[in-house]
Amino acid sequence: MFVAYSASITGWKYCRPLIVVDGTFLKGKYKGTLFVACAKDGNNGIFPLAFGVGDWENNLSWEWFMSRLKETFGNRNEVLCIVSDRHQSIERAIKLVFKETTFYGVCTFHF
């Protein structure tokens, strides 16, 4: 399941070209992984872009989430920076899906 609200899709053009992505496991009755993508707005606030639920954090799930993210928000005419933890599947998915004009960075908190 992939969710991106209309307000997020419309507001993305007013955000900085920076996306932070991460995934966390779900507990309880519904197992799986929650994928999240956020941006920084003009007031340095956190701007939620999209959410997704997948089976677990692996190459296929991250490629699916990044593909939906690119399909929904499209390309901007500037360099896009995507930041995440050091999960290898995220880096791989970014390189496969966001080939052009994308810079990948690692959050220093996750070392």
N, C-alpha and C. Protein backbone atom coordinates (compact mmCIF):
# COMPACT_ATOMS: atom_id res chain seq x y z
N MET A 1 0.84 -1.17 0.00
CA MET A 1 0.00 0.00 0.00
C MET A 1 0.89 1.25 0.00
N PHE A 2 0.61 2.17 -0.88
CA PHE A 2 1.34 3.42 -0.98
C PHE A 2 0.35 4.57 -0.82
N VAL A 3 0.68 5.53 0.06
CA VAL A 3 -0.22 6.66 0.31
C VAL A 3 0.56 7.96 0.18
N ALA A 4 0.05 8.87 -0.65
CA ALA A 4 0.57 10.23 -0.76
C ALA A 4 -0.63 11.15 -0.86
N TYR A 5 -0.81 12.00 0.12
CA TYR A 5 -1.96 12.90 0.14
C TYR A 5 -1.82 13.97 -0.93
N SER A 6 -2.95 14.46 -1.40
CA SER A 6 -2.97 15.50 -2.43
C SER A 6 -2.22 16.75 -1.97
N ALA A 7 -2.37 17.10 -0.70
CA ALA A 7 -1.66 18.28 -0.17
C ALA A 7 -0.15 18.08 -0.23
N SER A 8 0.31 16.86 -0.02
CA SER A 8 1.74 16.58 -0.10
C SER A 8 2.24 16.66 -1.54
N ILE A 9 1.45 16.14 -2.46
CA ILE A 9 1.84 16.17 -3.87
C ILE A 9 1.91 17.61 -4.38
N THR A 10 0.92 18.41 -4.01
CA THR A 10 0.89 19.81 -4.42
C THR A 10 1.97 20.62 -3.73
N GLY A 11 2.19 20.38 -2.45
CA GLY A 11 3.15 21.15 -1.68
C GLY A 11 4.61 20.83 -1.95
N TRP A 12 4.88 19.68 -2.58
CA TRP A 12 6.26 19.26 -2.84
C TRP A 12 7.03 20.30 -3.65
N LYS A 13 6.38 20.99 -4.56
CA LYS A 13 7.09 21.98 -5.39
C LYS A 13 7.57 23.18 -4.59
N TYR A 14 7.06 23.36 -3.36
CA TYR A 14 7.49 24.47 -2.50
C TYR A 14 8.51 24.02 -1.45
N CYS A 15 8.86 22.76 -1.46
CA CYS A 15 9.84 22.23 -0.50
C CYS A 15 11.24 22.28 -1.09
N ARG A 16 12.19 22.16 -0.20
CA ARG A 16 13.58 22.04 -0.65
C ARG A 16 13.77 20.70 -1.34
N PRO A 17 14.71 20.60 -2.27
CA PRO A 17 14.91 19.33 -2.99
C PRO A 17 15.68 18.32 -2.14
N LEU A 18 15.11 18.01 -1.01
CA LEU A 18 15.71 17.09 -0.05
C LEU A 18 14.63 16.14 0.45
N ILE A 19 14.87 14.85 0.31
CA ILE A 19 13.93 13.84 0.79
C ILE A 19 14.67 12.95 1.78
N VAL A 20 14.04 12.70 2.91
CA VAL A 20 14.58 11.78 3.91
C VAL A 20 13.68 10.55 3.93
N VAL A 21 14.25 9.38 3.77
CA VAL A 21 13.48 8.14 3.76
C VAL A 21 13.96 7.21 4.86
N ASP A 22 13.04 6.41 5.36
CA ASP A 22 13.38 5.40 6.37
C ASP A 22 12.28 4.37 6.41
N GLY A 23 12.57 3.27 7.05
CA GLY A 23 11.59 2.21 7.23
C GLY A 23 11.68 1.69 8.65
N THR A 24 10.56 1.25 9.17
CA THR A 24 10.53 0.66 10.50
C THR A 24 9.57 -0.51 10.49
N PHE A 25 9.83 -1.48 11.35
CA PHE A 25 8.98 -2.67 11.37
C PHE A 25 7.69 -2.39 12.13
N LEU A 26 6.66 -3.12 11.74
CA LEU A 26 5.36 -3.01 12.38
C LEU A 26 5.17 -4.20 13.32
N LYS A 27 4.58 -3.94 14.47
CA LYS A 27 4.32 -4.99 15.45
C LYS A 27 2.81 -5.25 15.52
N GLY A 28 2.45 -6.24 16.27
CA GLY A 28 1.03 -6.49 16.51
C GLY A 28 0.42 -7.39 15.46
N LYS A 29 -0.86 -7.18 15.23
CA LYS A 29 -1.62 -8.02 14.32
C LYS A 29 -1.10 -7.95 12.88
N TYR A 30 -0.73 -6.75 12.45
CA TYR A 30 -0.28 -6.55 11.07
C TYR A 30 1.23 -6.39 11.05
N LYS A 31 1.90 -7.38 10.57
CA LYS A 31 3.36 -7.36 10.46
C LYS A 31 3.77 -6.70 9.15
N GLY A 32 5.03 -6.38 9.04
CA GLY A 32 5.54 -5.78 7.82
C GLY A 32 6.43 -4.61 8.14
N THR A 33 6.61 -3.74 7.16
CA THR A 33 7.47 -2.58 7.31
C THR A 33 6.72 -1.33 6.85
N LEU A 34 6.85 -0.27 7.63
CA LEU A 34 6.30 1.03 7.26
C LEU A 34 7.42 1.86 6.63
N PHE A 35 7.24 2.28 5.38
CA PHE A 35 8.20 3.12 4.68
C PHE A 35 7.71 4.56 4.74
N VAL A 36 8.62 5.50 4.97
CA VAL A 36 8.25 6.91 5.12
C VAL A 36 9.20 7.77 4.29
N ALA A 37 8.64 8.80 3.65
CA ALA A 37 9.43 9.80 2.93
C ALA A 37 8.95 11.18 3.37
N CYS A 38 9.90 12.01 3.80
CA CYS A 38 9.59 13.37 4.24
C CYS A 38 10.54 14.35 3.56
N ALA A 39 10.14 15.61 3.54
CA ALA A 39 10.97 16.68 2.98
C ALA A 39 11.07 17.81 3.98
N LYS A 40 11.85 18.84 3.65
CA LYS A 40 11.95 20.05 4.45
C LYS A 40 11.24 21.17 3.71
N ASP A 41 10.31 21.83 4.41
CA ASP A 41 9.62 22.94 3.77
C ASP A 41 10.41 24.23 3.93
N GLY A 42 9.89 25.33 3.44
CA GLY A 42 10.59 26.61 3.47
C GLY A 42 10.82 27.15 4.86
N ASN A 43 10.06 26.67 5.84
CA ASN A 43 10.23 27.11 7.23
C ASN A 43 11.03 26.12 8.06
N ASN A 44 11.77 25.24 7.40
CA ASN A 44 12.57 24.19 8.05
C ASN A 44 11.71 23.19 8.82
N GLY A 45 10.47 23.07 8.45
CA GLY A 45 9.59 22.09 9.07
C GLY A 45 9.64 20.77 8.33
N ILE A 46 9.21 19.71 9.00
CA ILE A 46 9.13 18.39 8.37
C ILE A 46 7.84 18.33 7.57
N PHE A 47 7.96 17.98 6.31
CA PHE A 47 6.82 17.93 5.39
C PHE A 47 6.63 16.49 4.93
N PRO A 48 5.60 15.79 5.41
CA PRO A 48 5.40 14.39 5.02
C PRO A 48 5.03 14.27 3.54
N LEU A 49 5.72 13.42 2.85
CA LEU A 49 5.44 13.21 1.43
C LEU A 49 4.62 11.95 1.19
N ALA A 50 5.10 10.80 1.67
CA ALA A 50 4.43 9.54 1.35
C ALA A 50 4.72 8.49 2.42
N PHE A 51 3.83 7.52 2.45
CA PHE A 51 3.96 6.38 3.34
C PHE A 51 3.69 5.12 2.53
N GLY A 52 4.31 4.05 2.92
CA GLY A 52 4.05 2.77 2.26
C GLY A 52 4.17 1.64 3.25
N VAL A 53 3.51 0.56 2.97
CA VAL A 53 3.61 -0.64 3.80
C VAL A 53 4.00 -1.79 2.90
N GLY A 54 5.07 -2.47 3.31
CA GLY A 54 5.56 -3.62 2.55
C GLY A 54 5.84 -4.78 3.46
N ASP A 55 6.30 -5.88 2.86
CA ASP A 55 6.56 -7.10 3.63
C ASP A 55 7.72 -6.92 4.61
N TRP A 56 8.85 -6.45 4.12
CA TRP A 56 10.00 -6.19 4.97
C TRP A 56 10.99 -5.32 4.20
N GLU A 57 12.04 -4.84 4.89
CA GLU A 57 13.05 -4.00 4.24
C GLU A 57 13.99 -4.88 3.44
N ASN A 58 13.78 -4.93 2.15
CA ASN A 58 14.68 -5.65 1.26
C ASN A 58 14.76 -4.89 -0.06
N ASN A 59 15.56 -5.40 -0.98
CA ASN A 59 15.75 -4.71 -2.26
C ASN A 59 14.44 -4.48 -3.01
N LEU A 60 13.63 -5.51 -3.10
CA LEU A 60 12.39 -5.41 -3.85
C LEU A 60 11.42 -4.39 -3.24
N SER A 61 11.29 -4.40 -1.93
CA SER A 61 10.37 -3.46 -1.26
C SER A 61 10.82 -2.02 -1.41
N TRP A 62 12.13 -1.77 -1.26
CA TRP A 62 12.62 -0.40 -1.40
C TRP A 62 12.53 0.07 -2.85
N GLU A 63 12.77 -0.80 -3.81
CA GLU A 63 12.61 -0.43 -5.22
C GLU A 63 11.16 -0.07 -5.51
N TRP A 64 10.23 -0.85 -4.96
CA TRP A 64 8.81 -0.56 -5.13
C TRP A 64 8.46 0.81 -4.55
N PHE A 65 8.92 1.08 -3.32
CA PHE A 65 8.59 2.36 -2.67
C PHE A 65 9.21 3.54 -3.43
N MET A 66 10.45 3.43 -3.82
CA MET A 66 11.12 4.51 -4.57
C MET A 66 10.47 4.72 -5.93
N SER A 67 10.05 3.65 -6.58
CA SER A 67 9.37 3.78 -7.87
C SER A 67 8.05 4.53 -7.73
N ARG A 68 7.28 4.19 -6.71
CA ARG A 68 6.01 4.89 -6.46
C ARG A 68 6.27 6.35 -6.10
N LEU A 69 7.33 6.60 -5.35
CA LEU A 69 7.69 7.97 -4.96
C LEU A 69 8.02 8.81 -6.19
N LYS A 70 8.84 8.27 -7.07
CA LYS A 70 9.21 8.99 -8.29
C LYS A 70 8.01 9.16 -9.21
N GLU A 71 7.20 8.13 -9.33
CA GLU A 71 6.00 8.19 -10.17
C GLU A 71 5.02 9.26 -9.67
N THR A 72 4.89 9.38 -8.36
CA THR A 72 3.94 10.32 -7.76
C THR A 72 4.44 11.75 -7.79
N PHE A 73 5.71 11.96 -7.45
CA PHE A 73 6.23 13.32 -7.30
C PHE A 73 7.04 13.80 -8.50
N GLY A 74 7.37 12.91 -9.41
CA GLY A 74 8.05 13.29 -10.64
C GLY A 74 9.46 13.81 -10.43
N ASN A 75 10.01 14.39 -11.46
CA ASN A 75 11.36 14.95 -11.43
C ASN A 75 11.28 16.47 -11.30
N ARG A 76 12.24 17.03 -10.59
CA ARG A 76 12.36 18.48 -10.52
C ARG A 76 13.57 18.89 -11.35
N ASN A 77 13.60 20.13 -11.75
CA ASN A 77 14.70 20.62 -12.59
C ASN A 77 15.88 21.09 -11.75
N GLU A 78 16.20 20.34 -10.73
CA GLU A 78 17.35 20.64 -9.87
C GLU A 78 17.84 19.34 -9.25
N VAL A 79 19.01 19.39 -8.68
CA VAL A 79 19.59 18.20 -8.06
C VAL A 79 18.77 17.83 -6.83
N LEU A 80 18.41 16.57 -6.72
CA LEU A 80 17.65 16.06 -5.60
C LEU A 80 18.60 15.32 -4.66
N CYS A 81 18.48 15.58 -3.37
CA CYS A 81 19.29 14.89 -2.38
C CYS A 81 18.37 13.98 -1.56
N ILE A 82 18.74 12.71 -1.47
CA ILE A 82 17.97 11.75 -0.67
C ILE A 82 18.87 11.27 0.46
N VAL A 83 18.36 11.37 1.69
CA VAL A 83 19.12 11.00 2.89
C VAL A 83 18.42 9.83 3.57
N SER A 84 19.22 8.89 4.08
CA SER A 84 18.65 7.75 4.79
C SER A 84 19.70 7.19 5.75
N ASP A 85 19.33 6.10 6.40
CA ASP A 85 20.33 5.39 7.19
C ASP A 85 21.20 4.57 6.23
N ARG A 86 22.03 3.72 6.74
CA ARG A 86 22.98 3.01 5.89
C ARG A 86 22.45 1.70 5.33
N HIS A 87 21.17 1.52 5.26
CA HIS A 87 20.60 0.28 4.74
C HIS A 87 20.96 0.14 3.27
N GLN A 88 21.59 -0.97 2.92
CA GLN A 88 22.09 -1.16 1.55
C GLN A 88 20.99 -1.22 0.51
N SER A 89 19.82 -1.70 0.90
CA SER A 89 18.71 -1.78 -0.05
C SER A 89 18.21 -0.39 -0.46
N ILE A 90 18.29 0.56 0.46
CA ILE A 90 17.87 1.93 0.14
C ILE A 90 18.81 2.53 -0.89
N GLU A 91 20.09 2.41 -0.64
CA GLU A 91 21.08 2.96 -1.58
C GLU A 91 20.94 2.32 -2.96
N ARG A 92 20.73 1.04 -2.99
CA ARG A 92 20.57 0.33 -4.25
C ARG A 92 19.33 0.81 -5.00
N ALA A 93 18.22 0.96 -4.29
CA ALA A 93 16.97 1.40 -4.91
C ALA A 93 17.08 2.83 -5.45
N ILE A 94 17.77 3.70 -4.71
CA ILE A 94 17.95 5.08 -5.17
C ILE A 94 18.75 5.10 -6.46
N LYS A 95 19.80 4.30 -6.53
CA LYS A 95 20.63 4.26 -7.73
C LYS A 95 19.86 3.70 -8.93
N LEU A 96 18.96 2.75 -8.69
CA LEU A 96 18.18 2.16 -9.78
C LEU A 96 17.04 3.07 -10.25
N VAL A 97 16.36 3.71 -9.32
CA VAL A 97 15.15 4.46 -9.66
C VAL A 97 15.44 5.92 -9.97
N PHE A 98 16.21 6.58 -9.11
CA PHE A 98 16.52 8.00 -9.28
C PHE A 98 17.91 8.14 -9.91
N LYS A 99 18.06 7.72 -11.12
CA LYS A 99 19.37 7.70 -11.78
C LYS A 99 19.91 9.09 -12.04
N GLU A 100 19.06 9.96 -12.53
CA GLU A 100 19.51 11.26 -12.98
C GLU A 100 19.46 12.31 -11.87
N THR A 101 20.47 13.11 -11.80
CA THR A 101 20.57 14.27 -10.92
C THR A 101 20.13 14.01 -9.48
N THR A 102 20.58 12.91 -8.91
CA THR A 102 20.26 12.59 -7.52
C THR A 102 21.53 12.35 -6.74
N PHE A 103 21.59 12.94 -5.57
CA PHE A 103 22.70 12.75 -4.66
C PHE A 103 22.19 11.96 -3.46
N TYR A 104 22.92 10.94 -3.05
CA TYR A 104 22.52 10.11 -1.92
C TYR A 104 23.43 10.41 -0.73
N GLY A 105 22.86 10.68 0.42
CA GLY A 105 23.63 10.94 1.63
C GLY A 105 23.17 10.06 2.77
N VAL A 106 24.08 9.86 3.72
CA VAL A 106 23.79 9.03 4.89
C VAL A 106 23.68 9.92 6.12
N CYS A 107 22.65 9.69 6.91
CA CYS A 107 22.44 10.44 8.13
C CYS A 107 23.58 10.13 9.11
N THR A 108 24.24 11.14 9.64
CA THR A 108 25.36 10.92 10.55
C THR A 108 24.92 10.37 11.90
N PHE A 109 23.66 10.51 12.23
CA PHE A 109 23.15 9.95 13.48
C PHE A 109 23.14 8.43 13.46
N HIS A 110 23.06 7.82 12.28
CA HIS A 110 22.95 6.39 12.15
C HIS A 110 24.29 5.67 11.97
N PHE A 111 25.38 6.28 12.29
CA PHE A 111 26.67 5.60 12.19
C PHE A 111 26.77 4.67 13.33
